[in-house]
Amino acid sequence: MRRIQDIHVLATEPLIAPDVLKHEMIADEGVVRTVVEARDTIGAILSGRDRRMLCIVGPCSIHDPEAALEYARRLLNLKAAVADRLFIVMRVYFEKPRTTVGWKGLINDPHMDDSCDMREGLRIARRLLIDINRMGLPAGTEMLDPITPQYIADLVAWTAIGARTSESQTHREMASGLSMPVGFKNTTEGNLQIAINAIQSSRQPHSFLGITQDGFAAVIRTRGNPDTHVVLRGGRKPNFDAGSISECTKLLADASLEPRVMVDCSHAQTSKDYTKQPAVFAALVEQICQGSRSIMGAMLESNLEAGNQPLNSDRSKLKYGVSVTDPCIDWPTTERCILEATRMLEAAGWK
């Protein structure tokens, strides 16, 4: 008899159940406090009750936990220095969507050699999130695989749904059950309506297939996530200017949604020139200083060192603190533009 299933499957490897991993790597009281307080603060910023600007700042992707922790320690000090005007969350991205093929991130391939040791990747990711939160620094990430949240979502204060997945029913359903605020990006072409549709969908109850904390297949039923918003990341042209922000807020208002917008300062906003990120960020802050109530946050791709480098499975040949995915601004540039933003807001009497 001819084979009719798993024709293209080479192997299946069992994973540890989420609950087992969580018992091995427990979120202690201090970690839980960081996560809960950050989620509450972000919710207040989304609603306008907290006037501070939300800033998601950090590497395009995490590949070296040691460098990530050094970055986190620096960002924690900066977070404290600007706390009156900005609320900083570290960008801790473990999953990377690929247009065709490429490295899919630390969870999928932690050794960067196509061995795809996901069991180790999940452990590394959870440990790093615990360490960062224990410092008192909240973390934000992109949720790409619908199984991953069961392992790490309890340690995440804010989540993005990316430009390639905002239209996906699977990701809208997943977002409806996530316990933290979620930002939906406009599509790579710049379509805003799809992100708005995603927000509306994720605020509604859904039922879909997933896994339990014990690792069993199950029907997941959600109540809907009210803390959802749009993230502008540009498209065929940038969309961080005042006119584009106004267009977006009108579409949100027409959909009976809060006219609150986050802007990704990288990607199509800069025509993929990472050195332009500070200028985009400054332009957003200037709009706020001039009275905009629509801009509630921004994202910056930042690392210890500037630029990026090719992947190499020989870790000894990788430059420390340099991205292996999209290029990032370096730490001095990051610090300078964050501090300058704070000064601009203070000078404008904004609070």
C-alpha atoms as a PDB file:
ATOM      1  CA  MET A   1       0.000   0.000   0.000  1.00  0.00           C
ATOM      2  CA  ARG A   2       1.312   3.430  -0.935  1.00  0.00           C
ATOM      3  CA  ARG A   3       2.172   5.796   1.882  1.00  0.00           C
ATOM      4  CA  ILE A   4      -0.321   8.650   2.189  1.00  0.00           C
ATOM      5  CA  GLN A   5       0.902  10.682   5.180  1.00  0.00           C
ATOM      6  CA  ASP A   6       4.149  12.322   6.307  1.00  0.00           C
ATOM      7  CA  ILE A   7       5.530  11.892   2.797  1.00  0.00           C
ATOM      8  CA  HIS A   8       7.776  14.923   3.158  1.00  0.00           C
ATOM      9  CA  VAL A   9       8.394  14.639   6.922  1.00  0.00           C
ATOM     10  CA  LEU A  10      11.873  13.410   7.870  1.00  0.00           C
ATOM     11  CA  ALA A  11      11.373  13.158  11.629  1.00  0.00           C
ATOM     12  CA  THR A  12       9.321  14.319  14.598  1.00  0.00           C
ATOM     13  CA  GLU A  13      11.030  15.199  17.875  1.00  0.00           C
ATOM     14  CA  PRO A  14       9.026  15.580  21.098  1.00  0.00           C
ATOM     15  CA  LEU A  15       9.313  18.867  23.006  1.00  0.00           C
ATOM     16  CA  ILE A  16       9.217  19.416  26.733  1.00  0.00           C
ATOM     17  CA  ALA A  17       5.766  20.497  27.895  1.00  0.00           C
ATOM     18  CA  PRO A  18       5.479  24.239  28.597  1.00  0.00           C
ATOM     19  CA  ASP A  19       4.518  23.652  32.224  1.00  0.00           C
ATOM     20  CA  VAL A  20       7.547  21.425  32.804  1.00  0.00           C
ATOM     21  CA  LEU A  21       9.910  24.062  31.405  1.00  0.00           C
ATOM     22  CA  LYS A  22       8.255  26.725  33.559  1.00  0.00           C
ATOM     23  CA  HIS A  23       8.776  24.626  36.668  1.00  0.00           C
ATOM     24  CA  GLU A  24      12.438  24.235  35.743  1.00  0.00           C
ATOM     25  CA  MET A  25      12.795  27.975  35.116  1.00  0.00           C
ATOM     26  CA  ILE A  26      10.435  29.659  37.547  1.00  0.00           C
ATOM     27  CA  ALA A  27       9.393  33.291  37.260  1.00  0.00           C
ATOM     28  CA  ASP A  28       9.971  34.491  40.810  1.00  0.00           C
ATOM     29  CA  GLU A  29       8.127  37.332  42.529  1.00  0.00           C
ATOM     30  CA  GLY A  30      10.499  40.024  41.268  1.00  0.00           C
ATOM     31  CA  VAL A  31      10.192  38.832  37.671  1.00  0.00           C
ATOM     32  CA  VAL A  32       6.407  38.695  37.902  1.00  0.00           C
ATOM     33  CA  ARG A  33       6.326  42.220  39.336  1.00  0.00           C
ATOM     34  CA  THR A  34       8.355  43.576  36.411  1.00  0.00           C
ATOM     35  CA  VAL A  35       6.064  41.931  33.857  1.00  0.00           C
ATOM     36  CA  VAL A  36       2.779  42.923  35.508  1.00  0.00           C
ATOM     37  CA  GLU A  37       3.760  46.522  36.193  1.00  0.00           C
ATOM     38  CA  ALA A  38       5.065  46.974  32.644  1.00  0.00           C
ATOM     39  CA  ARG A  39       1.907  45.549  31.092  1.00  0.00           C
ATOM     40  CA  ASP A  40      -0.208  47.876  33.244  1.00  0.00           C
ATOM     41  CA  THR A  41       1.933  50.864  32.274  1.00  0.00           C
ATOM     42  CA  ILE A  42       1.763  50.048  28.562  1.00  0.00           C
ATOM     43  CA  GLY A  43      -2.012  49.674  28.834  1.00  0.00           C
ATOM     44  CA  ALA A  44      -2.176  53.101  30.464  1.00  0.00           C
ATOM     45  CA  ILE A  45      -0.035  54.604  27.677  1.00  0.00           C
ATOM     46  CA  LEU A  46      -2.311  53.044  25.041  1.00  0.00           C
ATOM     47  CA  SER A  47      -5.378  54.575  26.680  1.00  0.00           C
ATOM     48  CA  GLY A  48      -3.718  57.970  27.152  1.00  0.00           C
ATOM     49  CA  ARG A  49      -3.895  57.810  30.958  1.00  0.00           C
ATOM     50  CA  ASP A  50      -0.066  57.771  31.017  1.00  0.00           C
ATOM     51  CA  ARG A  51       1.330  60.500  28.749  1.00  0.00           C
ATOM     52  CA  ARG A  52       4.805  59.024  28.482  1.00  0.00           C
ATOM     53  CA  MET A  53       6.111  57.743  25.152  1.00  0.00           C
ATOM     54  CA  LEU A  54       6.562  53.969  24.933  1.00  0.00           C
ATOM     55  CA  CYS A  55       9.930  53.025  23.424  1.00  0.00           C
ATOM     56  CA  ILE A  56      10.693  49.447  22.326  1.00  0.00           C
ATOM     57  CA  VAL A  57      14.480  49.496  22.004  1.00  0.00           C
ATOM     58  CA  GLY A  58      16.966  46.734  21.320  1.00  0.00           C
ATOM     59  CA  PRO A  59      18.597  44.366  18.835  1.00  0.00           C
ATOM     60  CA  CYS A  60      16.883  43.307  15.629  1.00  0.00           C
ATOM     61  CA  SER A  61      17.337  39.757  16.920  1.00  0.00           C
ATOM     62  CA  ILE A  62      19.015  37.995  19.819  1.00  0.00           C
ATOM     63  CA  HIS A  63      21.759  35.495  18.968  1.00  0.00           C
ATOM     64  CA  ASP A  64      24.203  35.957  21.858  1.00  0.00           C
ATOM     65  CA  PRO A  65      22.663  35.932  25.366  1.00  0.00           C
ATOM     66  CA  GLU A  66      25.838  37.373  26.919  1.00  0.00           C
ATOM     67  CA  ALA A  67      25.754  40.431  24.648  1.00  0.00           C
ATOM     68  CA  ALA A  68      22.008  40.745  25.215  1.00  0.00           C
ATOM     69  CA  LEU A  69      22.524  40.917  28.985  1.00  0.00           C
ATOM     70  CA  GLU A  70      25.227  43.555  28.629  1.00  0.00           C
ATOM     71  CA  TYR A  71      22.859  45.559  26.437  1.00  0.00           C
ATOM     72  CA  ALA A  72      20.085  45.087  29.009  1.00  0.00           C
ATOM     73  CA  ARG A  73      22.243  46.453  31.827  1.00  0.00           C
ATOM     74  CA  ARG A  74      22.999  49.587  29.819  1.00  0.00           C
ATOM     75  CA  LEU A  75      19.373  50.027  28.797  1.00  0.00           C
ATOM     76  CA  LEU A  76      18.217  49.648  32.398  1.00  0.00           C
ATOM     77  CA  ASN A  77      20.344  52.625  33.438  1.00  0.00           C
ATOM     78  CA  LEU A  78      19.029  54.665  30.521  1.00  0.00           C
ATOM     79  CA  LYS A  79      15.441  53.664  31.352  1.00  0.00           C
ATOM     80  CA  ALA A  80      15.836  55.110  34.842  1.00  0.00           C
ATOM     81  CA  ALA A  81      17.348  58.348  33.538  1.00  0.00           C
ATOM     82  CA  VAL A  82      14.419  59.124  31.219  1.00  0.00           C
ATOM     83  CA  ALA A  83      11.552  57.601  33.213  1.00  0.00           C
ATOM     84  CA  ASP A  84       9.653  60.884  33.560  1.00  0.00           C
ATOM     85  CA  ARG A  85       9.151  61.234  29.799  1.00  0.00           C
ATOM     86  CA  LEU A  86       9.724  57.795  28.243  1.00  0.00           C
ATOM     87  CA  PHE A  87       8.870  54.232  29.222  1.00  0.00           C
ATOM     88  CA  ILE A  88      11.496  51.883  27.837  1.00  0.00           C
ATOM     89  CA  VAL A  89      11.011  48.196  27.059  1.00  0.00           C
ATOM     90  CA  MET A  90      13.849  46.071  25.688  1.00  0.00           C
ATOM     91  CA  ARG A  91      13.320  44.540  22.281  1.00  0.00           C
ATOM     92  CA  VAL A  92      14.127  40.818  22.752  1.00  0.00           C
ATOM     93  CA  TYR A  93      13.333  39.119  19.438  1.00  0.00           C
ATOM     94  CA  PHE A  94      13.831  35.342  19.256  1.00  0.00           C
ATOM     95  CA  GLU A  95      11.885  34.566  16.063  1.00  0.00           C
ATOM     96  CA  LYS A  96      12.556  36.049  12.643  1.00  0.00           C
ATOM     97  CA  PRO A  97      10.181  35.824   9.679  1.00  0.00           C
ATOM     98  CA  ARG A  98      11.968  35.182   6.391  1.00  0.00           C
ATOM     99  CA  THR A  99      10.890  36.456   2.979  1.00  0.00           C
ATOM    100  CA  THR A 100      12.366  33.309   1.410  1.00  0.00           C
ATOM    101  CA  VAL A 101      14.843  31.390   3.574  1.00  0.00           C
ATOM    102  CA  GLY A 102      17.392  32.288   6.241  1.00  0.00           C
ATOM    103  CA  TRP A 103      18.127  32.053   9.943  1.00  0.00           C
ATOM    104  CA  LYS A 104      14.790  31.896  11.763  1.00  0.00           C
ATOM    105  CA  GLY A 105      16.049  33.080  15.120  1.00  0.00           C
ATOM    106  CA  LEU A 106      17.448  31.834  18.400  1.00  0.00           C
ATOM    107  CA  ILE A 107      14.497  29.631  19.357  1.00  0.00           C
ATOM    108  CA  ASN A 108      14.460  27.844  16.007  1.00  0.00           C
ATOM    109  CA  ASP A 109      18.217  27.512  15.506  1.00  0.00           C
ATOM    110  CA  PRO A 110      20.211  28.572  18.587  1.00  0.00           C
ATOM    111  CA  HIS A 111      23.510  27.186  17.261  1.00  0.00           C
ATOM    112  CA  MET A 112      23.075  28.971  13.889  1.00  0.00           C
ATOM    113  CA  ASP A 113      24.139  25.854  11.988  1.00  0.00           C
ATOM    114  CA  ASP A 114      20.770  24.552  10.702  1.00  0.00           C
ATOM    115  CA  SER A 115      20.667  21.947  13.469  1.00  0.00           C
ATOM    116  CA  CYS A 116      17.415  23.588  14.644  1.00  0.00           C
ATOM    117  CA  ASP A 117      17.794  22.507  18.261  1.00  0.00           C
ATOM    118  CA  MET A 118      14.509  24.067  19.315  1.00  0.00           C
ATOM    119  CA  ARG A 119      14.486  22.348  22.690  1.00  0.00           C
ATOM    120  CA  GLU A 120      17.668  24.217  23.593  1.00  0.00           C
ATOM    121  CA  GLY A 121      16.426  27.386  21.916  1.00  0.00           C
ATOM    122  CA  LEU A 122      13.338  27.517  24.126  1.00  0.00           C
ATOM    123  CA  ARG A 123      15.463  27.018  27.246  1.00  0.00           C
ATOM    124  CA  ILE A 124      17.902  29.778  26.276  1.00  0.00           C
ATOM    125  CA  ALA A 125      15.057  32.167  25.464  1.00  0.00           C
ATOM    126  CA  ARG A 126      13.228  31.558  28.720  1.00  0.00           C
ATOM    127  CA  ARG A 127      16.385  31.880  30.806  1.00  0.00           C
ATOM    128  CA  LEU A 128      17.318  35.158  29.115  1.00  0.00           C
ATOM    129  CA  LEU A 129      13.845  36.636  29.628  1.00  0.00           C
ATOM    130  CA  ILE A 130      13.961  35.707  33.313  1.00  0.00           C
ATOM    131  CA  ASP A 131      17.390  37.333  33.697  1.00  0.00           C
ATOM    132  CA  ILE A 132      16.321  40.547  31.943  1.00  0.00           C
ATOM    133  CA  ASN A 133      13.058  40.865  33.863  1.00  0.00           C
ATOM    134  CA  ARG A 134      14.824  40.138  37.142  1.00  0.00           C
ATOM    135  CA  MET A 135      16.895  43.295  36.545  1.00  0.00           C
ATOM    136  CA  GLY A 136      13.653  45.261  36.482  1.00  0.00           C
ATOM    137  CA  LEU A 137      13.739  45.744  32.699  1.00  0.00           C
ATOM    138  CA  PRO A 138      10.595  44.606  30.816  1.00  0.00           C
ATOM    139  CA  ALA A 139      10.857  42.774  27.506  1.00  0.00           C
ATOM    140  CA  GLY A 140       8.995  42.981  24.201  1.00  0.00           C
ATOM    141  CA  THR A 141       9.129  40.508  21.342  1.00  0.00           C
ATOM    142  CA  GLU A 142       7.418  39.339  18.155  1.00  0.00           C
ATOM    143  CA  MET A 143       5.254  36.228  18.394  1.00  0.00           C
ATOM    144  CA  LEU A 144       5.652  34.310  15.167  1.00  0.00           C
ATOM    145  CA  ASP A 145       5.051  30.621  15.843  1.00  0.00           C
ATOM    146  CA  PRO A 146       1.670  30.014  17.549  1.00  0.00           C
ATOM    147  CA  ILE A 147       3.152  27.346  19.864  1.00  0.00           C
ATOM    148  CA  THR A 148       5.983  29.520  21.223  1.00  0.00           C
ATOM    149  CA  PRO A 149       3.860  31.750  23.513  1.00  0.00           C
ATOM    150  CA  GLN A 150       3.044  28.814  25.794  1.00  0.00           C
ATOM    151  CA  TYR A 151       6.745  28.669  26.707  1.00  0.00           C
ATOM    152  CA  ILE A 152       7.674  32.346  27.105  1.00  0.00           C
ATOM    153  CA  ALA A 153       4.626  34.658  26.983  1.00  0.00           C
ATOM    154  CA  ASP A 154       4.410  34.904  30.779  1.00  0.00           C
ATOM    155  CA  LEU A 155       7.716  36.816  30.667  1.00  0.00           C
ATOM    156  CA  VAL A 156       6.759  39.291  27.923  1.00  0.00           C
ATOM    157  CA  ALA A 157       5.292  42.762  28.539  1.00  0.00           C
ATOM    158  CA  TRP A 158       4.527  43.720  24.916  1.00  0.00           C
ATOM    159  CA  THR A 159       4.279  41.793  21.656  1.00  0.00           C
ATOM    160  CA  ALA A 160       4.362  42.624  17.956  1.00  0.00           C
ATOM    161  CA  ILE A 161       2.614  40.821  15.142  1.00  0.00           C
ATOM    162  CA  GLY A 162       4.761  41.479  12.103  1.00  0.00           C
ATOM    163  CA  ALA A 163       4.058  42.959   8.696  1.00  0.00           C
ATOM    164  CA  ARG A 164       4.001  39.511   7.078  1.00  0.00           C
ATOM    165  CA  THR A 165       1.579  38.015   9.603  1.00  0.00           C
ATOM    166  CA  SER A 166      -0.886  40.802  10.487  1.00  0.00           C
ATOM    167  CA  GLU A 167      -3.261  39.404   7.859  1.00  0.00           C
ATOM    168  CA  SER A 168      -2.957  35.854   9.201  1.00  0.00           C
ATOM    169  CA  GLN A 169      -6.040  34.488  10.920  1.00  0.00           C
ATOM    170  CA  THR A 170      -3.808  32.269  13.058  1.00  0.00           C
ATOM    171  CA  HIS A 171      -1.931  35.280  14.457  1.00  0.00           C
ATOM    172  CA  ARG A 172      -5.077  37.312  15.016  1.00  0.00           C
ATOM    173  CA  GLU A 173      -6.554  34.405  16.973  1.00  0.00           C
ATOM    174  CA  MET A 174      -3.343  33.989  18.942  1.00  0.00           C
ATOM    175  CA  ALA A 175      -3.267  37.717  19.773  1.00  0.00           C
ATOM    176  CA  SER A 176      -6.845  37.513  21.054  1.00  0.00           C
ATOM    177  CA  GLY A 177      -5.629  35.247  23.845  1.00  0.00           C
ATOM    178  CA  LEU A 178      -2.280  36.821  24.692  1.00  0.00           C
ATOM    179  CA  SER A 179      -2.000  38.369  28.154  1.00  0.00           C
ATOM    180  CA  MET A 180      -0.093  41.488  27.121  1.00  0.00           C
ATOM    181  CA  PRO A 181      -0.627  44.473  24.778  1.00  0.00           C
ATOM    182  CA  VAL A 182      -0.116  43.601  21.106  1.00  0.00           C
ATOM    183  CA  GLY A 183       0.915  45.851  18.209  1.00  0.00           C
ATOM    184  CA  PHE A 184      -0.034  44.929  14.630  1.00  0.00           C
ATOM    185  CA  LYS A 185       2.221  46.268  11.875  1.00  0.00           C
ATOM    186  CA  ASN A 186       0.946  47.508   8.555  1.00  0.00           C
ATOM    187  CA  THR A 187       1.899  45.213   5.670  1.00  0.00           C
ATOM    188  CA  THR A 188       5.208  45.391   3.818  1.00  0.00           C
ATOM    189  CA  GLU A 189       3.390  47.255   1.023  1.00  0.00           C
ATOM    190  CA  GLY A 190       2.094  49.802   3.538  1.00  0.00           C
ATOM    191  CA  ASN A 191      -1.529  48.642   3.789  1.00  0.00           C
ATOM    192  CA  LEU A 192      -3.018  50.153   6.969  1.00  0.00           C
ATOM    193  CA  GLN A 193      -6.458  48.623   6.688  1.00  0.00           C
ATOM    194  CA  ILE A 194      -5.124  45.107   7.230  1.00  0.00           C
ATOM    195  CA  ALA A 195      -3.546  46.135  10.541  1.00  0.00           C
ATOM    196  CA  ILE A 196      -6.808  47.809  11.586  1.00  0.00           C
ATOM    197  CA  ASN A 197      -8.773  44.707  10.616  1.00  0.00           C
ATOM    198  CA  ALA A 198      -6.338  42.674  12.716  1.00  0.00           C
ATOM    199  CA  ILE A 199      -6.953  44.876  15.759  1.00  0.00           C
ATOM    200  CA  GLN A 200     -10.708  44.513  15.382  1.00  0.00           C
ATOM    201  CA  SER A 201     -10.426  40.748  14.969  1.00  0.00           C
ATOM    202  CA  SER A 202      -8.089  40.216  17.926  1.00  0.00           C
ATOM    203  CA  ARG A 203     -10.424  42.129  20.251  1.00  0.00           C
ATOM    204  CA  GLN A 204     -13.130  39.536  19.645  1.00  0.00           C
ATOM    205  CA  PRO A 205     -13.460  36.056  21.204  1.00  0.00           C
ATOM    206  CA  HIS A 206     -11.999  33.194  19.155  1.00  0.00           C
ATOM    207  CA  SER A 207     -11.768  29.414  19.283  1.00  0.00           C
ATOM    208  CA  PHE A 208      -8.804  27.697  17.642  1.00  0.00           C
ATOM    209  CA  LEU A 209      -6.412  24.774  17.912  1.00  0.00           C
ATOM    210  CA  GLY A 210      -3.383  25.023  20.178  1.00  0.00           C
ATOM    211  CA  ILE A 211      -1.588  23.240  23.001  1.00  0.00           C
ATOM    212  CA  THR A 212      -2.158  23.245  26.743  1.00  0.00           C
ATOM    213  CA  GLN A 213       0.472  23.951  29.393  1.00  0.00           C
ATOM    214  CA  ASP A 214       0.786  20.159  29.656  1.00  0.00           C
ATOM    215  CA  GLY A 215       1.625  19.956  25.951  1.00  0.00           C
ATOM    216  CA  PHE A 216      -1.616  18.364  24.738  1.00  0.00           C
ATOM    217  CA  ALA A 217      -3.515  19.415  21.622  1.00  0.00           C
ATOM    218  CA  ALA A 218      -6.606  21.377  22.633  1.00  0.00           C
ATOM    219  CA  VAL A 219      -9.260  23.840  21.558  1.00  0.00           C
ATOM    220  CA  ILE A 220      -8.282  27.265  22.900  1.00  0.00           C
ATOM    221  CA  ARG A 221     -11.158  29.652  23.593  1.00  0.00           C
ATOM    222  CA  THR A 222     -10.320  33.327  24.179  1.00  0.00           C
ATOM    223  CA  ARG A 223     -12.162  36.409  25.405  1.00  0.00           C
ATOM    224  CA  GLY A 224     -10.380  38.853  23.060  1.00  0.00           C
ATOM    225  CA  ASN A 225      -7.529  41.259  23.777  1.00  0.00           C
ATOM    226  CA  PRO A 226      -8.545  44.917  24.279  1.00  0.00           C
ATOM    227  CA  ASP A 227      -4.950  46.195  24.442  1.00  0.00           C
ATOM    228  CA  THR A 228      -4.173  46.111  20.726  1.00  0.00           C
ATOM    229  CA  HIS A 229      -2.856  48.883  18.505  1.00  0.00           C
ATOM    230  CA  VAL A 230      -1.289  49.697  15.145  1.00  0.00           C
ATOM    231  CA  VAL A 231       2.429  49.932  14.380  1.00  0.00           C
ATOM    232  CA  LEU A 232       3.446  51.961  11.330  1.00  0.00           C
ATOM    233  CA  ARG A 233       6.594  50.526   9.697  1.00  0.00           C
ATOM    234  CA  GLY A 234       6.396  52.147   6.267  1.00  0.00           C
ATOM    235  CA  GLY A 235       5.666  50.397   3.004  1.00  0.00           C
ATOM    236  CA  ARG A 236       6.368  51.485  -0.523  1.00  0.00           C
ATOM    237  CA  LYS A 237       7.095  54.828   1.129  1.00  0.00           C
ATOM    238  CA  PRO A 238       7.640  56.001   4.730  1.00  0.00           C
ATOM    239  CA  ASN A 239       4.552  56.719   6.847  1.00  0.00           C
ATOM    240  CA  PHE A 240       5.903  58.453   9.955  1.00  0.00           C
ATOM    241  CA  ASP A 241       5.181  62.026   8.772  1.00  0.00           C
ATOM    242  CA  ALA A 242       2.323  64.052  10.202  1.00  0.00           C
ATOM    243  CA  GLY A 243       0.132  63.489   7.154  1.00  0.00           C
ATOM    244  CA  SER A 244       0.514  59.706   7.340  1.00  0.00           C
ATOM    245  CA  ILE A 245      -0.120  59.730  11.089  1.00  0.00           C
ATOM    246  CA  SER A 246      -3.287  61.767  10.494  1.00  0.00           C
ATOM    247  CA  GLU A 247      -4.459  59.343   7.805  1.00  0.00           C
ATOM    248  CA  CYS A 248      -3.919  56.411  10.139  1.00  0.00           C
ATOM    249  CA  THR A 249      -5.757  58.019  13.064  1.00  0.00           C
ATOM    250  CA  LYS A 250      -8.706  58.815  10.788  1.00  0.00           C
ATOM    251  CA  LEU A 251      -8.921  55.170   9.720  1.00  0.00           C
ATOM    252  CA  LEU A 252      -8.751  54.114  13.358  1.00  0.00           C
ATOM    253  CA  ALA A 253     -11.465  56.565  14.364  1.00  0.00           C
ATOM    254  CA  ASP A 254     -13.662  55.407  11.457  1.00  0.00           C
ATOM    255  CA  ALA A 255     -13.292  51.881  12.838  1.00  0.00           C
ATOM    256  CA  SER A 256     -14.245  53.110  16.353  1.00  0.00           C
ATOM    257  CA  LEU A 257     -10.719  52.401  17.603  1.00  0.00           C
ATOM    258  CA  GLU A 258      -8.501  54.602  19.763  1.00  0.00           C
ATOM    259  CA  PRO A 259      -6.464  56.974  17.540  1.00  0.00           C
ATOM    260  CA  ARG A 260      -3.153  55.873  19.069  1.00  0.00           C
ATOM    261  CA  VAL A 261      -0.154  54.963  16.918  1.00  0.00           C
ATOM    262  CA  MET A 262       3.274  53.426  17.418  1.00  0.00           C
ATOM    263  CA  VAL A 263       5.957  53.926  14.754  1.00  0.00           C
ATOM    264  CA  ASP A 264       8.739  51.501  13.891  1.00  0.00           C
ATOM    265  CA  CYS A 265      11.670  53.812  13.112  1.00  0.00           C
ATOM    266  CA  SER A 266      13.453  51.180  11.010  1.00  0.00           C
ATOM    267  CA  HIS A 267      12.572  49.117   7.930  1.00  0.00           C
ATOM    268  CA  ALA A 268      10.735  51.024   5.208  1.00  0.00           C
ATOM    269  CA  GLN A 269      10.702  54.230   7.272  1.00  0.00           C
ATOM    270  CA  THR A 270      14.403  54.608   6.458  1.00  0.00           C
ATOM    271  CA  SER A 271      14.550  52.859   3.070  1.00  0.00           C
ATOM    272  CA  LYS A 272      16.521  50.231   5.020  1.00  0.00           C
ATOM    273  CA  ASP A 273      19.256  52.736   5.932  1.00  0.00           C
ATOM    274  CA  TYR A 274      19.636  52.068   9.656  1.00  0.00           C
ATOM    275  CA  THR A 275      21.601  55.293  10.224  1.00  0.00           C
ATOM    276  CA  LYS A 276      18.392  57.291   9.569  1.00  0.00           C
ATOM    277  CA  GLN A 277      16.578  55.829  12.588  1.00  0.00           C
ATOM    278  CA  PRO A 278      17.523  58.697  14.950  1.00  0.00           C
ATOM    279  CA  ALA A 279      16.146  61.222  12.447  1.00  0.00           C
ATOM    280  CA  VAL A 280      12.833  59.355  12.233  1.00  0.00           C
ATOM    281  CA  PHE A 281      12.665  59.125  16.025  1.00  0.00           C
ATOM    282  CA  ALA A 282      13.417  62.845  16.391  1.00  0.00           C
ATOM    283  CA  ALA A 283      10.702  63.682  13.852  1.00  0.00           C
ATOM    284  CA  LEU A 284       8.175  61.750  15.935  1.00  0.00           C
ATOM    285  CA  VAL A 285       9.232  63.502  19.120  1.00  0.00           C
ATOM    286  CA  GLU A 286       8.950  66.850  17.334  1.00  0.00           C
ATOM    287  CA  GLN A 287       5.367  66.016  16.345  1.00  0.00           C
ATOM    288  CA  ILE A 288       4.587  65.238  19.991  1.00  0.00           C
ATOM    289  CA  CYS A 289       6.192  68.514  21.082  1.00  0.00           C
ATOM    290  CA  GLN A 290       3.979  70.317  18.568  1.00  0.00           C
ATOM    291  CA  GLY A 291       0.874  68.840  20.166  1.00  0.00           C
ATOM    292  CA  SER A 292       0.252  65.443  18.574  1.00  0.00           C
ATOM    293  CA  ARG A 293      -1.779  63.191  20.867  1.00  0.00           C
ATOM    294  CA  SER A 294      -1.758  60.301  18.386  1.00  0.00           C
ATOM    295  CA  ILE A 295       1.842  59.071  18.675  1.00  0.00           C
ATOM    296  CA  MET A 296       2.124  56.820  21.713  1.00  0.00           C
ATOM    297  CA  GLY A 297       5.338  54.974  20.986  1.00  0.00           C
ATOM    298  CA  ALA A 298       8.289  54.113  18.802  1.00  0.00           C
ATOM    299  CA  MET A 299      10.582  51.195  18.038  1.00  0.00           C
ATOM    300  CA  LEU A 300      14.350  51.409  17.524  1.00  0.00           C
ATOM    301  CA  GLU A 301      16.671  48.638  16.291  1.00  0.00           C
ATOM    302  CA  SER A 302      19.776  49.099  18.392  1.00  0.00           C
ATOM    303  CA  ASN A 303      22.729  46.980  19.483  1.00  0.00           C
ATOM    304  CA  LEU A 304      26.043  47.378  21.269  1.00  0.00           C
ATOM    305  CA  GLU A 305      27.799  47.995  17.955  1.00  0.00           C
ATOM    306  CA  ALA A 306      26.565  49.443  14.660  1.00  0.00           C
ATOM    307  CA  GLY A 307      25.637  47.620  11.471  1.00  0.00           C
ATOM    308  CA  ASN A 308      25.343  43.889  10.952  1.00  0.00           C
ATOM    309  CA  GLN A 309      27.441  40.883   9.980  1.00  0.00           C
ATOM    310  CA  PRO A 310      26.995  37.620   8.066  1.00  0.00           C
ATOM    311  CA  LEU A 311      25.925  34.515   9.936  1.00  0.00           C
ATOM    312  CA  ASN A 312      28.681  32.128  10.951  1.00  0.00           C
ATOM    313  CA  SER A 313      28.199  28.850  12.800  1.00  0.00           C
ATOM    314  CA  ASP A 314      31.702  29.371  14.240  1.00  0.00           C
ATOM    315  CA  ARG A 315      30.788  31.736  17.075  1.00  0.00           C
ATOM    316  CA  SER A 316      34.452  32.698  17.557  1.00  0.00           C
ATOM    317  CA  LYS A 317      34.367  34.484  14.202  1.00  0.00           C
ATOM    318  CA  LEU A 318      31.367  36.643  15.065  1.00  0.00           C
ATOM    319  CA  LYS A 319      31.923  40.208  16.216  1.00  0.00           C
ATOM    320  CA  TYR A 320      30.602  40.790  19.725  1.00  0.00           C
ATOM    321  CA  GLY A 321      27.480  42.938  19.971  1.00  0.00           C
ATOM    322  CA  VAL A 322      26.840  43.142  16.212  1.00  0.00           C
ATOM    323  CA  SER A 323      23.522  42.075  14.673  1.00  0.00           C
ATOM    324  CA  VAL A 324      23.336  38.987  12.441  1.00  0.00           C
ATOM    325  CA  THR A 325      20.026  40.125  10.927  1.00  0.00           C
ATOM    326  CA  ASP A 326      19.060  43.748  10.160  1.00  0.00           C
ATOM    327  CA  PRO A 327      21.676  46.427  10.851  1.00  0.00           C
ATOM    328  CA  CYS A 328      21.282  48.401  14.077  1.00  0.00           C
ATOM    329  CA  ILE A 329      22.429  51.724  15.449  1.00  0.00           C
ATOM    330  CA  ASP A 330      25.130  51.405  18.118  1.00  0.00           C
ATOM    331  CA  TRP A 331      24.807  52.079  21.831  1.00  0.00           C
ATOM    332  CA  PRO A 332      26.245  55.631  21.880  1.00  0.00           C
ATOM    333  CA  THR A 333      23.816  56.639  19.114  1.00  0.00           C
ATOM    334  CA  THR A 334      20.936  55.006  20.957  1.00  0.00           C
ATOM    335  CA  GLU A 335      21.756  56.765  24.202  1.00  0.00           C
ATOM    336  CA  ARG A 336      22.209  60.088  22.449  1.00  0.00           C
ATOM    337  CA  CYS A 337      18.880  60.037  20.590  1.00  0.00           C
ATOM    338  CA  ILE A 338      16.914  58.832  23.649  1.00  0.00           C
ATOM    339  CA  LEU A 339      18.409  61.539  25.866  1.00  0.00           C
ATOM    340  CA  GLU A 340      17.878  64.185  23.184  1.00  0.00           C
ATOM    341  CA  ALA A 341      14.226  63.135  22.883  1.00  0.00           C
ATOM    342  CA  THR A 342      13.821  63.600  26.622  1.00  0.00           C
ATOM    343  CA  ARG A 343      15.368  67.073  26.440  1.00  0.00           C
ATOM    344  CA  MET A 344      13.045  68.019  23.558  1.00  0.00           C
ATOM    345  CA  LEU A 345       9.994  66.927  25.516  1.00  0.00           C
ATOM    346  CA  GLU A 346      11.155  68.765  28.623  1.00  0.00           C
ATOM    347  CA  ALA A 347      11.872  71.959  26.662  1.00  0.00           C
ATOM    348  CA  ALA A 348       8.377  71.811  25.159  1.00  0.00           C
ATOM    349  CA  GLY A 349       6.879  71.497  28.639  1.00  0.00           C
ATOM    350  CA  TRP A 350       5.351  68.169  27.635  1.00  0.00           C
ATOM    351  CA  LYS A 351       4.192  65.930  30.444  1.00  0.00           C
END
